[in-house]
């Protein structure tokens, strides 16, 4: 199936989607580049369609505007289609089941009263797992998936958002929609992999830069802080992948950052 037209590339600097700084062209990859780790066999061949990314020197944000003119239907047809499992085999069961385990571990004692929303939750596996474990309210919202594209009413004490914000072509609007779902006080628990320290060496060969996976927004720590800060949120990173954000940390959730920070410290110490 032929791809819809990508936005024509401009050789001049463009305003960073996070901070507005001058983001120059940084590199180019094939549309079919997906999240494959070094040494793994290639499952999806290159297709010959170039996708250009930019990088902001101010906040470090890396992004492509190639898909900024695509509709939701375009993304469904050409990225989040029946072939998506080939480029993200853990999407359907492994990742959401594991993430549900994290939520149960740190919020399980509140399962009877906590309102949980999984933003970008795909097939509802995470919330179905939580409901099976006794969580009274665990619902999925995903604008890409027709079954879950209607935003649930009300605010939620805990909003989870796993491996989603890197898929947002308009990250500031997307994060704004995300925080709009959160109660005040409340917490957002989310994941996205931050740029590595050796980015200057690996550039866009880094595995996480992957247009075929829909990874159009690649965050640095500064970009995360800037993006959430514009909505009055603090963001805390437990490691290079797992983060939380909040305006005011509710008393009944105050134990969570301490527990998770301790766990991350133990993990990092063991790896040292």
Protein backbone atom coordinates (compact mmCIF):
# COMPACT_ATOMS: atom_id res chain seq x y z
CA UNK A 1 0.00 0.00 0.00
CA UNK A 2 1.41 3.37 -1.01
CA UNK A 3 2.14 5.78 1.83
CA UNK A 4 0.29 9.11 1.99
CA UNK A 5 2.51 12.08 1.18
CA UNK A 6 4.99 13.04 3.87
CA UNK A 7 5.43 16.73 4.66
CA UNK A 8 8.14 18.15 2.36
CA UNK A 9 11.41 18.63 4.19
CA UNK A 10 12.76 22.14 4.74
CA UNK A 11 16.52 22.60 4.93
CA UNK A 12 16.20 25.60 7.23
CA UNK A 13 15.74 25.50 11.00
CA UNK A 14 12.21 25.04 12.33
CA UNK A 15 10.82 25.92 15.77
CA UNK A 16 11.26 23.10 18.27
CA UNK A 17 7.92 21.52 19.12
CA UNK A 18 8.77 21.67 22.83
CA UNK A 19 10.65 24.91 23.54
CA UNK A 20 10.50 26.84 20.27
CA UNK A 21 14.26 26.87 19.79
CA UNK A 22 15.77 26.63 16.28
CA UNK A 23 15.80 22.93 15.41
CA UNK A 24 18.00 22.13 12.42
CA UNK A 25 17.98 18.92 10.41
CA UNK A 26 19.77 16.20 12.37
CA UNK A 27 19.59 13.13 10.16
CA UNK A 28 17.49 10.83 8.05
CA UNK A 29 16.32 7.20 8.34
CA UNK A 30 14.20 4.85 6.26
CA UNK A 31 10.47 4.78 7.03
CA UNK A 32 10.73 1.08 7.85
CA UNK A 33 13.39 1.59 10.54
CA UNK A 34 11.88 0.03 13.65
CA UNK A 35 12.91 -0.68 17.24
CA UNK A 36 15.52 -3.32 16.66
CA UNK A 37 18.46 -3.79 19.01
CA UNK A 38 22.00 -4.18 17.66
CA UNK A 39 22.74 -7.73 16.54
CA UNK A 40 19.11 -8.76 16.03
CA UNK A 41 18.09 -10.08 12.58
CA UNK A 42 16.19 -7.64 10.38
CA UNK A 43 12.51 -8.67 10.15
CA UNK A 44 11.25 -5.76 8.04
CA UNK A 45 13.11 -4.67 4.88
CA UNK A 46 13.86 -1.04 4.10
CA UNK A 47 11.32 0.62 1.80
CA UNK A 48 13.29 3.54 0.38
CA UNK A 49 11.14 6.33 1.90
CA UNK A 50 13.33 8.85 3.77
CA UNK A 51 12.13 10.35 7.06
CA UNK A 52 14.05 13.39 8.30
CA UNK A 53 14.45 14.26 11.99
CA UNK A 54 15.42 17.54 13.64
CA UNK A 55 17.17 18.20 16.93
CA UNK A 56 16.84 21.26 19.16
CA UNK A 57 20.17 22.40 20.65
CA UNK A 58 18.34 24.16 23.48
CA UNK A 59 16.30 21.32 25.04
CA UNK A 60 17.68 18.36 23.08
CA UNK A 61 14.32 17.27 21.68
CA UNK A 62 14.49 15.19 18.48
CA UNK A 63 11.45 15.03 16.23
CA UNK A 64 10.19 14.58 12.71
CA UNK A 65 7.44 16.65 11.13
CA UNK A 66 7.14 14.23 8.21
CA UNK A 67 3.78 12.92 9.46
CA UNK A 68 2.31 16.19 10.67
CA UNK A 69 -0.24 16.24 7.83
CA UNK A 70 -1.40 12.64 8.35
CA UNK A 71 -4.87 11.91 9.65
CA UNK A 72 -5.67 9.38 12.37
CA UNK A 73 -6.85 7.08 9.59
CA UNK A 74 -3.44 7.40 7.88
CA UNK A 75 -1.66 6.35 11.06
CA UNK A 76 -4.04 3.42 11.52
CA UNK A 77 -3.53 2.25 7.94
CA UNK A 78 0.24 2.63 7.62
CA UNK A 79 1.76 2.38 11.10
CA UNK A 80 -0.71 0.88 13.61
CA UNK A 81 -1.93 -1.77 11.20
CA UNK A 82 -1.98 -5.57 11.16
CA UNK A 83 1.78 -5.63 10.52
CA UNK A 84 2.57 -3.65 13.67
CA UNK A 85 3.17 -6.83 15.65
CA UNK A 86 6.23 -7.53 13.50
CA UNK A 87 7.93 -4.34 14.72
CA UNK A 88 6.64 -4.44 18.32
CA UNK A 89 5.93 -8.06 19.32
CA UNK A 90 5.55 -7.18 23.03
CA UNK A 91 2.79 -4.64 22.39
CA UNK A 92 -0.22 -6.93 22.73
CA UNK A 93 0.46 -8.93 25.92
CA UNK A 94 3.98 -8.86 27.38
CA UNK A 95 4.36 -5.13 27.97
CA UNK A 96 0.85 -4.30 29.23
CA UNK A 97 0.82 -7.33 31.52
CA UNK A 98 4.18 -6.33 32.99
CA UNK A 99 3.06 -2.73 33.44
CA UNK A 100 -0.09 -3.89 35.19
CA UNK A 101 2.18 -5.71 37.61
CA UNK A 102 3.96 -2.44 38.39
CA UNK A 103 0.67 -0.68 39.06
CA UNK A 104 -0.53 -3.49 41.34
CA UNK A 105 2.78 -3.52 43.22
CA UNK A 106 2.71 0.17 44.10
CA UNK A 107 -1.02 0.95 44.17
CA UNK A 108 -2.57 -2.41 45.02
CA UNK A 109 -3.67 -1.38 48.49
CA UNK A 110 -5.82 1.34 46.90
CA UNK A 111 -7.48 -0.91 44.33
CA UNK A 112 -10.94 -0.44 45.79
CA UNK A 113 -11.02 3.35 45.48
CA UNK A 114 -8.34 4.39 42.97
CA UNK A 115 -9.56 5.59 39.57
CA UNK A 116 -7.06 4.49 36.91
CA UNK A 117 -6.93 5.58 33.29
CA UNK A 118 -4.52 4.00 30.83
CA UNK A 119 -3.86 6.67 28.19
CA UNK A 120 -2.75 5.16 24.89
CA UNK A 121 -3.66 1.75 26.25
CA UNK A 122 -4.15 0.01 22.90
CA UNK A 123 -6.02 -3.28 23.35
CA UNK A 124 -7.10 -2.74 27.02
CA UNK A 125 -4.81 -5.54 28.26
CA UNK A 126 -3.34 -3.47 31.10
CA UNK A 127 -6.73 -2.37 32.42
CA UNK A 128 -8.30 -5.78 31.92
CA UNK A 129 -5.50 -7.24 34.03
CA UNK A 130 -6.06 -4.65 36.75
CA UNK A 131 -9.80 -5.23 36.77
CA UNK A 132 -9.18 -8.96 37.11
CA UNK A 133 -7.00 -8.16 40.12
CA UNK A 134 -9.79 -6.24 41.81
CA UNK A 135 -9.24 -2.64 40.71
CA UNK A 136 -12.67 -1.06 40.80
CA UNK A 137 -12.01 1.52 38.07
CA UNK A 138 -9.46 0.87 35.33
CA UNK A 139 -10.36 2.14 31.88
CA UNK A 140 -8.54 2.54 28.58
CA UNK A 141 -8.38 5.58 26.34
CA UNK A 142 -6.57 5.44 23.00
CA UNK A 143 -7.41 7.90 20.20
CA UNK A 144 -5.89 5.53 17.61
CA UNK A 145 -7.99 2.49 18.55
CA UNK A 146 -11.65 2.97 17.50
CA UNK A 147 -13.00 0.86 20.35
CA UNK A 148 -11.32 3.09 22.96
CA UNK A 149 -11.19 6.42 21.09
CA UNK A 150 -13.93 8.04 23.19
CA UNK A 151 -12.34 9.79 26.15
CA UNK A 152 -13.86 8.59 29.45
CA UNK A 153 -15.62 11.16 31.58
CA UNK A 154 -14.18 12.55 34.78
CA UNK A 155 -10.71 12.80 36.27
CA UNK A 156 -8.45 9.98 37.37
CA UNK A 157 -6.24 9.59 40.44
CA UNK A 158 -3.65 7.66 38.45
CA UNK A 159 -3.10 8.11 34.72
CA UNK A 160 -0.73 5.60 33.16
CA UNK A 161 0.82 6.32 29.78
CA UNK A 162 3.28 3.63 28.75
CA UNK A 163 5.29 4.00 25.54
CA UNK A 164 2.93 6.63 24.14
CA UNK A 165 4.31 10.19 24.21
CA UNK A 166 7.05 9.31 21.71
CA UNK A 167 4.18 8.56 19.29
CA UNK A 168 2.71 12.08 19.50
CA UNK A 169 3.26 14.24 16.37
CA UNK A 170 2.16 17.26 18.43
CA UNK A 171 3.75 16.44 21.80
CA UNK A 172 2.67 19.61 23.61
CA UNK A 173 -0.99 19.13 22.66
CA UNK A 174 -0.71 15.42 23.46
CA UNK A 175 0.79 16.01 26.90
CA UNK A 176 -1.85 18.69 27.47
CA UNK A 177 -4.58 16.14 26.74
CA UNK A 178 -2.83 13.68 29.04
CA UNK A 179 -2.67 16.04 32.03
CA UNK A 180 -6.27 17.08 31.42
CA UNK A 181 -7.29 13.55 32.41
CA UNK A 182 -5.50 13.67 35.77
CA UNK A 183 -7.21 14.61 39.02
CA UNK A 184 -5.75 17.33 41.21
CA UNK A 185 -4.01 16.08 43.21
CA UNK A 186 -3.09 13.00 41.21
CA UNK A 187 -0.22 11.31 39.39
CA UNK A 188 0.80 10.40 35.86
CA UNK A 189 3.01 7.32 35.56
CA UNK A 190 4.53 7.08 32.10
CA UNK A 191 7.35 5.57 30.12
CA UNK A 192 9.46 6.75 27.22
CA UNK A 193 13.14 6.04 26.70
CA UNK A 194 15.40 9.06 27.09
CA UNK A 195 18.22 9.78 24.69
CA UNK A 196 21.46 7.98 25.61
CA UNK A 197 24.62 9.71 26.77
CA UNK A 198 26.42 8.60 23.62
CA UNK A 199 23.85 10.08 21.26
CA UNK A 200 26.60 12.21 19.72
CA UNK A 201 28.22 8.95 18.59
CA UNK A 202 25.20 6.89 17.54
CA UNK A 203 22.90 9.62 16.20
CA UNK A 204 19.80 8.29 14.46
CA UNK A 205 21.21 4.77 14.35
CA UNK A 206 20.01 4.57 17.99
CA UNK A 207 17.40 1.80 18.14
CA UNK A 208 14.62 3.94 19.62
CA UNK A 209 14.48 6.30 16.62
CA UNK A 210 11.93 4.26 14.70
CA UNK A 211 9.35 5.79 12.35
CA UNK A 212 7.83 2.38 11.55
CA UNK A 213 6.98 2.08 15.25
CA UNK A 214 5.50 5.57 15.17
CA UNK A 215 8.35 7.06 17.22
CA UNK A 216 8.17 10.63 15.99
CA UNK A 217 9.09 12.47 19.25
CA UNK A 218 12.32 11.51 21.01
CA UNK A 219 12.82 13.13 24.41
CA UNK A 220 15.78 14.27 26.44
CA UNK A 221 15.39 14.84 30.17
CA UNK A 222 15.35 18.62 29.59
CA UNK A 223 12.64 18.28 26.95
CA UNK A 224 10.46 16.22 29.33
CA UNK A 225 10.86 18.76 32.13
CA UNK A 226 10.09 21.65 29.77
CA UNK A 227 7.03 19.97 28.26
CA UNK A 228 5.40 19.00 31.56
CA UNK A 229 6.55 22.25 33.20
CA UNK A 230 4.44 24.24 30.76
CA UNK A 231 1.40 22.64 32.40
CA UNK A 232 2.64 23.25 35.93
CA UNK A 233 3.80 19.65 36.39
CA UNK A 234 6.98 18.31 37.95
CA UNK A 235 8.40 15.20 36.34
CA UNK A 236 10.64 12.68 38.08
CA UNK A 237 12.63 9.98 36.28
CA UNK A 238 13.25 6.72 38.11
CA UNK A 239 15.55 5.51 35.32
CA UNK A 240 16.02 6.21 31.60
CA UNK A 241 12.59 4.80 30.78
CA UNK A 242 10.13 5.14 33.69
CA UNK A 243 8.90 8.52 34.93
CA UNK A 244 6.09 10.17 36.89
CA UNK A 245 4.60 13.64 36.79
CA UNK A 246 2.35 15.59 39.13
CA UNK A 247 1.34 19.10 40.18
CA UNK A 248 0.62 18.25 43.80
CA UNK A 249 1.48 14.80 45.07
CA UNK A 250 -1.51 13.42 47.01
CA UNK A 251 -0.79 12.04 50.45
CA UNK A 252 -2.12 8.60 49.54
CA UNK A 253 0.36 8.40 46.64
CA UNK A 254 3.34 9.96 48.37
CA UNK A 255 4.90 6.55 49.08
CA UNK A 256 5.13 5.66 45.40
CA UNK A 257 8.09 7.83 44.27
CA UNK A 258 10.06 6.82 47.35
CA UNK A 259 9.44 3.12 46.77
CA UNK A 260 10.18 3.30 43.07
CA UNK A 261 13.21 5.52 43.54
CA UNK A 262 14.57 3.02 46.05
CA UNK A 263 13.96 0.17 43.64
CA UNK A 264 15.67 2.07 40.80
CA UNK A 265 18.62 2.81 43.09
CA UNK A 266 18.92 -0.89 43.97
CA UNK A 267 18.76 -1.83 40.29
CA UNK A 268 21.39 0.74 39.33
CA UNK A 269 23.66 -0.31 42.20
CA UNK A 270 23.40 -3.95 41.17
CA UNK A 271 24.32 -3.04 37.61
CA UNK A 272 27.34 -0.96 38.63
